[in-house]
N, C-alpha and C. Protein backbone atom coordinates (compact mmCIF):
# COMPACT_ATOMS: atom_id res chain seq x y z
N THR A 1 10.98 66.02 73.55
CA THR A 1 10.31 65.99 72.25
C THR A 1 11.37 66.06 71.17
N SER A 2 11.02 65.61 70.00
CA SER A 2 12.05 65.62 68.92
C SER A 2 11.84 66.85 67.94
N LYS A 3 10.91 67.74 68.29
CA LYS A 3 10.68 68.88 67.46
C LYS A 3 11.03 70.13 68.21
N LEU A 4 11.65 71.10 67.49
CA LEU A 4 11.95 72.39 68.06
C LEU A 4 10.68 73.24 68.23
N PHE A 5 9.83 73.23 67.24
CA PHE A 5 8.55 73.94 67.34
C PHE A 5 7.42 72.97 67.58
N GLN A 6 6.71 73.13 68.64
CA GLN A 6 5.68 72.18 69.07
C GLN A 6 4.36 72.38 68.26
N ASP A 7 3.74 71.27 68.01
CA ASP A 7 2.43 71.23 67.25
C ASP A 7 1.42 70.68 68.27
N PRO A 8 0.50 71.51 68.74
CA PRO A 8 -0.51 71.01 69.71
C PRO A 8 -1.30 69.82 69.24
N THR A 9 -1.55 69.74 67.92
CA THR A 9 -2.27 68.61 67.37
C THR A 9 -1.49 67.33 67.50
N LEU A 10 -0.20 67.42 67.25
CA LEU A 10 0.67 66.27 67.39
C LEU A 10 0.80 65.85 68.80
N ILE A 11 0.91 66.83 69.70
CA ILE A 11 0.97 66.47 71.16
C ILE A 11 -0.25 65.74 71.59
N GLN A 12 -1.40 66.19 71.10
CA GLN A 12 -2.68 65.50 71.45
C GLN A 12 -2.68 64.05 70.90
N LYS A 13 -2.15 63.93 69.67
CA LYS A 13 -2.11 62.58 69.07
C LYS A 13 -1.27 61.59 69.87
N PHE A 14 -0.11 62.11 70.42
CA PHE A 14 0.75 61.27 71.20
C PHE A 14 0.13 60.84 72.49
N GLY A 15 -0.91 61.51 72.94
CA GLY A 15 -1.64 61.19 74.12
C GLY A 15 -2.73 60.18 73.94
N GLU A 16 -3.08 59.88 72.70
CA GLU A 16 -4.14 58.94 72.40
C GLU A 16 -3.57 57.52 72.62
N GLY A 17 -4.39 56.70 73.29
CA GLY A 17 -3.94 55.36 73.72
C GLY A 17 -3.36 54.51 72.62
N GLU A 18 -4.08 54.31 71.53
CA GLU A 18 -3.63 53.37 70.53
C GLU A 18 -2.31 53.86 69.88
N PHE A 19 -2.30 55.17 69.58
CA PHE A 19 -1.00 55.73 68.98
C PHE A 19 0.11 55.67 69.96
N ALA A 20 -0.14 56.05 71.19
CA ALA A 20 0.94 56.05 72.23
C ALA A 20 1.46 54.65 72.43
N ASP A 21 0.60 53.64 72.45
CA ASP A 21 1.02 52.26 72.63
C ASP A 21 1.94 51.79 71.50
N ALA A 22 1.46 52.06 70.27
CA ALA A 22 2.25 51.71 69.08
C ALA A 22 3.59 52.34 69.07
N PHE A 23 3.59 53.66 69.29
CA PHE A 23 4.91 54.40 69.27
C PHE A 23 5.83 53.92 70.36
N ALA A 24 5.29 53.68 71.56
CA ALA A 24 6.10 53.17 72.63
C ALA A 24 6.71 51.75 72.33
N ARG A 25 5.90 50.91 71.65
CA ARG A 25 6.44 49.56 71.24
C ARG A 25 7.65 49.74 70.31
N ILE A 26 7.50 50.65 69.35
CA ILE A 26 8.52 50.86 68.34
C ILE A 26 9.81 51.37 69.03
N GLU A 27 9.59 52.38 69.89
CA GLU A 27 10.74 53.03 70.57
C GLU A 27 11.48 51.98 71.50
N CYS A 28 10.69 51.23 72.26
CA CYS A 28 11.25 50.23 73.14
C CYS A 28 12.06 49.18 72.36
N HIS A 29 11.47 48.71 71.23
CA HIS A 29 12.13 47.77 70.42
C HIS A 29 13.49 48.30 69.90
N TYR A 30 13.47 49.52 69.48
CA TYR A 30 14.68 50.16 68.97
C TYR A 30 15.77 50.29 70.08
N PHE A 31 15.38 50.78 71.24
CA PHE A 31 16.34 50.93 72.29
C PHE A 31 16.80 49.67 73.00
N VAL A 32 15.92 48.71 73.09
CA VAL A 32 16.30 47.43 73.72
C VAL A 32 17.38 46.74 72.79
N ASN A 33 17.26 47.03 71.47
CA ASN A 33 18.25 46.45 70.52
C ASN A 33 19.40 47.43 70.23
N LYS A 34 19.60 48.38 71.14
CA LYS A 34 20.71 49.33 71.03
C LYS A 34 20.81 50.03 69.70
N GLY A 35 19.66 50.36 69.14
CA GLY A 35 19.61 51.02 67.87
C GLY A 35 20.11 50.17 66.71
N PHE A 36 20.19 48.86 66.94
CA PHE A 36 20.66 47.90 65.97
C PHE A 36 22.11 48.14 65.54
N PHE A 37 22.85 48.77 66.44
CA PHE A 37 24.30 48.90 66.24
C PHE A 37 24.92 48.15 67.37
N GLU A 38 25.97 47.36 66.97
CA GLU A 38 26.76 46.59 67.98
C GLU A 38 28.15 46.65 67.58
N PRO A 39 29.09 47.27 68.19
CA PRO A 39 28.85 48.12 69.40
C PRO A 39 28.27 49.48 69.03
N GLU A 40 28.13 50.30 70.05
CA GLU A 40 27.50 51.60 69.85
C GLU A 40 28.18 52.47 68.78
N ASP A 41 29.45 52.36 68.65
CA ASP A 41 30.18 53.19 67.64
C ASP A 41 30.43 52.47 66.35
N GLN A 42 29.56 51.45 66.05
CA GLN A 42 29.75 50.65 64.83
C GLN A 42 29.92 51.47 63.55
N LEU A 43 29.08 52.48 63.42
CA LEU A 43 29.11 53.26 62.19
C LEU A 43 30.50 54.01 62.04
N LEU A 44 30.94 54.62 63.12
CA LEU A 44 32.22 55.30 63.05
C LEU A 44 33.40 54.28 62.81
N ARG A 45 33.35 53.20 63.43
CA ARG A 45 34.38 52.14 63.28
C ARG A 45 34.42 51.64 61.88
N ASN A 46 33.33 51.56 61.22
CA ASN A 46 33.25 50.98 59.91
C ASN A 46 32.98 51.95 58.78
N VAL A 47 33.26 53.24 59.05
CA VAL A 47 32.94 54.24 58.06
C VAL A 47 33.71 54.03 56.73
N ASP A 48 34.91 53.41 56.81
CA ASP A 48 35.71 53.13 55.60
C ASP A 48 34.88 52.30 54.57
N ARG A 49 33.95 51.55 55.06
CA ARG A 49 33.09 50.72 54.15
C ARG A 49 32.14 51.56 53.32
N ILE A 50 31.83 52.75 53.78
CA ILE A 50 30.87 53.63 53.00
C ILE A 50 31.51 54.83 52.46
N LYS A 51 32.78 55.06 52.59
CA LYS A 51 33.44 56.32 52.18
C LYS A 51 33.32 56.55 50.66
N SER A 52 33.17 55.47 49.91
CA SER A 52 33.06 55.62 48.43
C SER A 52 31.60 55.89 48.01
N ILE A 53 30.70 55.86 48.95
CA ILE A 53 29.28 56.11 48.63
C ILE A 53 28.94 57.58 48.88
N PRO A 54 28.43 58.30 47.91
CA PRO A 54 28.06 59.68 48.19
C PRO A 54 26.99 59.74 49.27
N GLY A 55 27.16 60.74 50.19
CA GLY A 55 26.26 60.84 51.30
C GLY A 55 26.06 62.25 51.74
N VAL A 56 24.94 62.50 52.38
CA VAL A 56 24.63 63.79 52.96
C VAL A 56 24.13 63.51 54.40
N ILE A 57 24.75 64.20 55.38
CA ILE A 57 24.35 64.16 56.76
C ILE A 57 23.52 65.36 57.08
N VAL A 58 22.25 65.19 57.42
CA VAL A 58 21.37 66.28 57.72
C VAL A 58 21.12 66.30 59.30
N GLN A 59 21.49 67.37 59.90
CA GLN A 59 21.43 67.50 61.37
C GLN A 59 20.69 68.74 61.79
N GLY A 60 19.67 68.54 62.68
CA GLY A 60 18.99 69.73 63.21
C GLY A 60 19.86 70.34 64.35
N ARG A 61 20.03 71.63 64.32
CA ARG A 61 20.86 72.33 65.31
C ARG A 61 20.43 72.02 66.74
N TYR A 62 19.14 71.93 66.96
CA TYR A 62 18.67 71.72 68.32
C TYR A 62 18.18 70.24 68.56
N ASP A 63 18.77 69.32 67.87
CA ASP A 63 18.37 67.90 67.99
C ASP A 63 18.94 67.40 69.35
N VAL A 64 18.06 66.99 70.25
CA VAL A 64 18.48 66.42 71.52
C VAL A 64 18.42 64.94 71.52
N VAL A 65 17.86 64.36 70.42
CA VAL A 65 17.83 62.90 70.34
C VAL A 65 19.17 62.38 69.83
N CYS A 66 19.65 63.02 68.75
CA CYS A 66 20.95 62.70 68.16
C CYS A 66 21.77 64.03 68.20
N PRO A 67 22.58 64.23 69.24
CA PRO A 67 23.26 65.51 69.41
C PRO A 67 24.18 65.89 68.26
N MET A 68 24.36 67.15 68.13
CA MET A 68 25.25 67.68 67.02
C MET A 68 26.59 67.00 66.97
N VAL A 69 27.14 66.66 68.12
CA VAL A 69 28.44 66.08 68.16
C VAL A 69 28.48 64.74 67.39
N SER A 70 27.37 64.04 67.34
CA SER A 70 27.32 62.75 66.58
C SER A 70 27.49 63.00 65.08
N ALA A 71 26.81 63.99 64.59
CA ALA A 71 26.90 64.34 63.15
C ALA A 71 28.26 64.83 62.86
N TRP A 72 28.84 65.65 63.73
CA TRP A 72 30.19 66.19 63.55
C TRP A 72 31.23 65.11 63.50
N GLU A 73 31.15 64.19 64.40
CA GLU A 73 32.13 63.06 64.47
C GLU A 73 31.98 62.18 63.20
N LEU A 74 30.74 61.96 62.79
CA LEU A 74 30.62 61.18 61.52
C LEU A 74 31.19 61.93 60.35
N HIS A 75 30.93 63.26 60.27
CA HIS A 75 31.50 64.03 59.16
C HIS A 75 33.01 64.09 59.21
N GLN A 76 33.61 64.15 60.38
CA GLN A 76 35.07 64.11 60.52
C GLN A 76 35.62 62.80 60.03
N ALA A 77 34.92 61.69 60.30
CA ALA A 77 35.38 60.38 59.81
C ALA A 77 35.03 60.14 58.39
N TRP A 78 34.07 60.88 57.85
CA TRP A 78 33.60 60.70 56.49
C TRP A 78 33.49 62.07 55.83
N PRO A 79 34.66 62.72 55.54
CA PRO A 79 34.67 64.09 55.04
C PRO A 79 34.06 64.14 53.59
N GLU A 80 34.00 63.01 52.92
CA GLU A 80 33.42 62.99 51.56
C GLU A 80 31.91 63.26 51.63
N ALA A 81 31.31 63.03 52.74
CA ALA A 81 29.85 63.29 52.89
C ALA A 81 29.69 64.82 53.16
N GLU A 82 28.56 65.34 52.65
CA GLU A 82 28.20 66.72 52.89
C GLU A 82 27.46 66.78 54.24
N LEU A 83 27.85 67.75 55.06
CA LEU A 83 27.13 67.97 56.35
C LEU A 83 26.29 69.23 56.20
N ILE A 84 24.98 69.03 56.39
CA ILE A 84 24.03 70.13 56.43
C ILE A 84 23.44 70.30 57.82
N VAL A 85 23.67 71.44 58.42
CA VAL A 85 23.09 71.73 59.73
C VAL A 85 21.95 72.65 59.52
N VAL A 86 20.74 72.21 59.91
CA VAL A 86 19.53 73.00 59.81
C VAL A 86 19.41 73.86 61.05
N PRO A 87 19.52 75.18 60.91
CA PRO A 87 19.63 76.05 62.08
C PRO A 87 18.36 76.08 63.02
N ASP A 88 17.20 75.89 62.42
CA ASP A 88 15.98 76.03 63.23
C ASP A 88 15.20 74.73 63.22
N ALA A 89 15.89 73.68 63.68
CA ALA A 89 15.22 72.39 63.71
C ALA A 89 15.75 71.52 64.81
N GLY A 90 14.93 70.58 65.22
CA GLY A 90 15.33 69.51 66.17
C GLY A 90 15.63 68.28 65.44
N HIS A 91 15.03 67.15 65.89
CA HIS A 91 15.29 65.80 65.33
C HIS A 91 14.29 65.39 64.25
N SER A 92 13.09 65.81 64.31
CA SER A 92 12.01 65.28 63.53
C SER A 92 12.12 65.66 62.01
N MET A 93 11.93 64.64 61.18
CA MET A 93 11.91 64.95 59.71
C MET A 93 10.64 65.68 59.33
N ALA A 94 9.71 65.82 60.27
CA ALA A 94 8.48 66.55 59.98
C ALA A 94 8.69 68.04 60.09
N GLU A 95 9.83 68.48 60.65
CA GLU A 95 10.10 69.92 60.74
C GLU A 95 10.45 70.43 59.32
N PRO A 96 9.95 71.60 58.95
CA PRO A 96 10.15 72.10 57.57
C PRO A 96 11.57 72.16 57.10
N GLY A 97 12.52 72.64 57.96
CA GLY A 97 13.89 72.71 57.56
C GLY A 97 14.54 71.36 57.32
N ILE A 98 14.25 70.38 58.16
CA ILE A 98 14.79 69.02 58.00
C ILE A 98 14.21 68.41 56.75
N ARG A 99 12.87 68.55 56.62
CA ARG A 99 12.22 67.93 55.40
C ARG A 99 12.83 68.49 54.14
N SER A 100 12.97 69.83 54.11
CA SER A 100 13.51 70.50 52.87
C SER A 100 14.89 69.99 52.60
N ALA A 101 15.73 69.90 53.65
CA ALA A 101 17.18 69.46 53.46
C ALA A 101 17.22 68.01 52.97
N LEU A 102 16.35 67.17 53.49
CA LEU A 102 16.33 65.76 53.07
C LEU A 102 15.86 65.63 51.65
N ILE A 103 14.83 66.43 51.25
CA ILE A 103 14.38 66.37 49.85
C ILE A 103 15.47 66.90 48.89
N GLU A 104 16.06 68.02 49.27
CA GLU A 104 17.15 68.58 48.50
C GLU A 104 18.33 67.56 48.33
N ALA A 105 18.63 66.96 49.40
CA ALA A 105 19.77 65.93 49.38
C ALA A 105 19.41 64.75 48.48
N THR A 106 18.18 64.33 48.61
CA THR A 106 17.71 63.16 47.81
C THR A 106 17.66 63.56 46.32
N ASP A 107 17.23 64.75 46.01
CA ASP A 107 17.16 65.24 44.61
C ASP A 107 18.52 65.23 44.02
N LYS A 108 19.54 65.54 44.73
CA LYS A 108 20.95 65.53 44.12
C LYS A 108 21.37 64.22 43.54
N PHE A 109 20.72 63.12 44.04
CA PHE A 109 21.12 61.81 43.62
C PHE A 109 20.20 61.26 42.48
N LEU A 110 19.25 62.09 42.00
CA LEU A 110 18.38 61.60 40.96
C LEU A 110 19.04 61.51 39.63
N THR A 111 20.06 62.32 39.40
CA THR A 111 20.70 62.38 38.09
C THR A 111 22.01 61.56 38.06
């Protein structure tokens, strides 16, 4: 699962046929296309192209979908970006800590 703290309602939703089919199609499309990166390390190889763009990397400490090492390697290659590690979160932006960090990061760019 992509969440550190499980939500029984969400678990039930993922078991419903129509939702499960739609979600599976999206996930399969993403993974069959290798996450739309070619090659796999495309972002790290081309980080020079985005170094001048302000950025924030938000990473859940317990994210098993995108492991911490991925965010760390990106931050090492792009030190101009701010790295925020949310200590009590997994991968999902629905988790309170991830959501708050994303909103805070977005708000920084409003002015």
